[in-house]
C-alpha atoms as a PDB file:
ATOM      1  CA  MET A   1      -1.375   3.976  27.819  1.00  0.00           C
ATOM      2  CA  ILE A   2      -5.161   4.006  27.786  1.00  0.00           C
ATOM      3  CA  VAL A   3      -6.855   0.808  26.614  1.00  0.00           C
ATOM      4  CA  GLU A   4     -10.504   0.984  25.698  1.00  0.00           C
ATOM      5  CA  ILE A   5     -12.792  -1.872  26.703  1.00  0.00           C
ATOM      6  CA  TRP A   6     -15.558  -2.988  24.372  1.00  0.00           C
ATOM      7  CA  ASP A   7     -19.120  -3.147  25.685  1.00  0.00           C
ATOM      8  CA  ARG A   8     -19.262  -6.844  24.804  1.00  0.00           C
ATOM      9  CA  PRO A   9     -16.257  -9.133  24.210  1.00  0.00           C
ATOM     10  CA  VAL A  10     -16.054 -11.106  20.982  1.00  0.00           C
ATOM     11  CA  GLU A  11     -15.476 -14.825  21.516  1.00  0.00           C
ATOM     12  CA  VAL A  12     -13.416 -16.568  18.831  1.00  0.00           C
ATOM     13  CA  SER A  13     -12.178 -20.134  18.526  1.00  0.00           C
ATOM     14  CA  PHE A  14      -9.191 -21.650  16.746  1.00  0.00           C
ATOM     15  CA  ASP A  15      -7.684 -25.104  16.143  1.00  0.00           C
ATOM     16  CA  ASN A  16     -11.025 -26.749  15.327  1.00  0.00           C
ATOM     17  CA  GLY A  17     -12.629 -25.252  18.412  1.00  0.00           C
ATOM     18  CA  ASN A  18      -9.972 -26.478  20.829  1.00  0.00           C
ATOM     19  CA  HIS A  19      -8.735 -22.979  21.747  1.00  0.00           C
ATOM     20  CA  PHE A  20     -10.978 -20.073  22.671  1.00  0.00           C
ATOM     21  CA  LEU A  21     -10.176 -16.413  23.060  1.00  0.00           C
ATOM     22  CA  SER A  22     -12.264 -13.575  24.469  1.00  0.00           C
ATOM     23  CA  VAL A  23     -11.285 -10.361  22.692  1.00  0.00           C
ATOM     24  CA  ARG A  24     -12.143  -7.264  24.734  1.00  0.00           C
ATOM     25  CA  ASN A  25     -10.483  -4.329  22.995  1.00  0.00           C
ATOM     26  CA  SER A  26      -8.807  -3.135  19.805  1.00  0.00           C
ATOM     27  CA  ARG A  27      -5.286  -4.092  20.914  1.00  0.00           C
ATOM     28  CA  GLU A  28      -6.334  -7.674  21.606  1.00  0.00           C
ATOM     29  CA  ALA A  29      -8.261  -7.766  18.327  1.00  0.00           C
ATOM     30  CA  LEU A  30      -5.266  -6.539  16.345  1.00  0.00           C
ATOM     31  CA  ALA A  31      -2.986  -9.092  18.034  1.00  0.00           C
ATOM     32  CA  CYS A  32      -5.478 -11.835  17.217  1.00  0.00           C
ATOM     33  CA  LEU A  33      -5.762 -10.711  13.594  1.00  0.00           C
ATOM     34  CA  MET A  34      -1.987 -10.628  13.198  1.00  0.00           C
ATOM     35  CA  ALA A  35      -1.045 -13.843  15.021  1.00  0.00           C
ATOM     36  CA  LYS A  36      -3.971 -16.264  15.013  1.00  0.00           C
ATOM     37  CA  TRP A  37      -6.192 -15.447  12.062  1.00  0.00           C
ATOM     38  CA  PRO A  38      -6.727 -18.388   9.695  1.00  0.00           C
ATOM     39  CA  SER A  39      -6.629 -16.356   6.489  1.00  0.00           C
ATOM     40  CA  LYS A  40      -4.917 -12.994   6.311  1.00  0.00           C
ATOM     41  CA  GLY A  41      -6.649 -11.173   3.518  1.00  0.00           C
ATOM     42  CA  GLY A  42     -10.039 -10.203   2.253  1.00  0.00           C
ATOM     43  CA  ALA A  43     -12.153  -7.127   2.714  1.00  0.00           C
ATOM     44  CA  HIS A  44     -13.464  -7.936   6.200  1.00  0.00           C
ATOM     45  CA  TYR A  45     -10.005  -8.807   7.545  1.00  0.00           C
ATOM     46  CA  ALA A  46      -8.556  -5.594   6.093  1.00  0.00           C
ATOM     47  CA  ARG A  47     -11.389  -3.460   7.461  1.00  0.00           C
ATOM     48  CA  ALA A  48     -11.055  -4.953  10.947  1.00  0.00           C
ATOM     49  CA  LYS A  49      -7.284  -4.461  10.960  1.00  0.00           C
ATOM     50  CA  ARG A  50      -7.544  -0.884   9.677  1.00  0.00           C
ATOM     51  CA  THR A  51     -10.320   0.032  12.134  1.00  0.00           C
ATOM     52  CA  CYS A  52      -8.480  -1.449  15.110  1.00  0.00           C
ATOM     53  CA  LEU A  53      -5.286   0.408  14.184  1.00  0.00           C
ATOM     54  CA  LYS A  54      -7.189   3.673  13.856  1.00  0.00           C
ATOM     55  CA  THR A  55      -8.857   3.135  17.232  1.00  0.00           C
ATOM     56  CA  ILE A  56      -5.519   2.414  18.912  1.00  0.00           C
ATOM     57  CA  GLU A  57      -3.927   5.509  17.376  1.00  0.00           C
ATOM     58  CA  THR A  58      -6.762   7.939  18.099  1.00  0.00           C
ATOM     59  CA  GLN A  59      -8.436   6.367  21.164  1.00  0.00           C
ATOM     60  CA  ALA A  60     -11.780   6.790  19.373  1.00  0.00           C
ATOM     61  CA  GLY A  61     -14.178   4.561  17.520  1.00  0.00           C
ATOM     62  CA  SER A  62     -14.057   1.479  19.720  1.00  0.00           C
ATOM     63  CA  GLN A  63     -17.608   0.501  18.732  1.00  0.00           C
ATOM     64  CA  ALA A  64     -16.621   0.522  15.045  1.00  0.00           C
ATOM     65  CA  ALA A  65     -13.570  -1.634  15.818  1.00  0.00           C
ATOM     66  CA  SER A  66     -15.685  -4.111  17.760  1.00  0.00           C
ATOM     67  CA  GLU A  67     -18.225  -4.377  14.950  1.00  0.00           C
ATOM     68  CA  ALA A  68     -15.533  -4.759  12.275  1.00  0.00           C
ATOM     69  CA  PHE A  69     -13.767  -7.484  14.269  1.00  0.00           C
ATOM     70  CA  LEU A  70     -17.055  -9.290  14.919  1.00  0.00           C
ATOM     71  CA  GLU A  71     -17.909  -9.299  11.214  1.00  0.00           C
ATOM     72  CA  ALA A  72     -14.401 -10.448  10.248  1.00  0.00           C
ATOM     73  CA  ALA A  73     -14.695 -13.301  12.764  1.00  0.00           C
ATOM     74  CA  ARG A  74     -18.083 -14.263  11.368  1.00  0.00           C
ATOM     75  CA  VAL A  75     -16.789 -14.302   7.778  1.00  0.00           C
ATOM     76  CA  ALA A  76     -13.624 -16.221   8.744  1.00  0.00           C
ATOM     77  CA  GLY A  77     -15.675 -18.851  10.571  1.00  0.00           C
ATOM     78  CA  VAL A  78     -13.945 -18.329  13.927  1.00  0.00           C
ATOM     79  CA  LEU A  79     -16.797 -16.640  15.790  1.00  0.00           C
ATOM     80  CA  ARG A  80     -17.705 -18.767  18.796  1.00  0.00           C
ATOM     81  CA  ASN A  81     -21.422 -19.459  18.970  1.00  0.00           C
END
């Protein structure tokens, strides 16, 4: 199984900033979206999930998955500054 690595990890925080996670690829992003995300729904969440799934299935488009996850994190308020 090949796992792509993003050029730059996306840092997210949960539980009022008490837990941090560095997401480095589409598999980690999808796991985070499915298990830790504060609000499952909305256009940005759906786009990130769909883009990560597509990247995992085709092994292409990792930059698009990274950007979609970053934007979803920003909108959800979990992006670590």
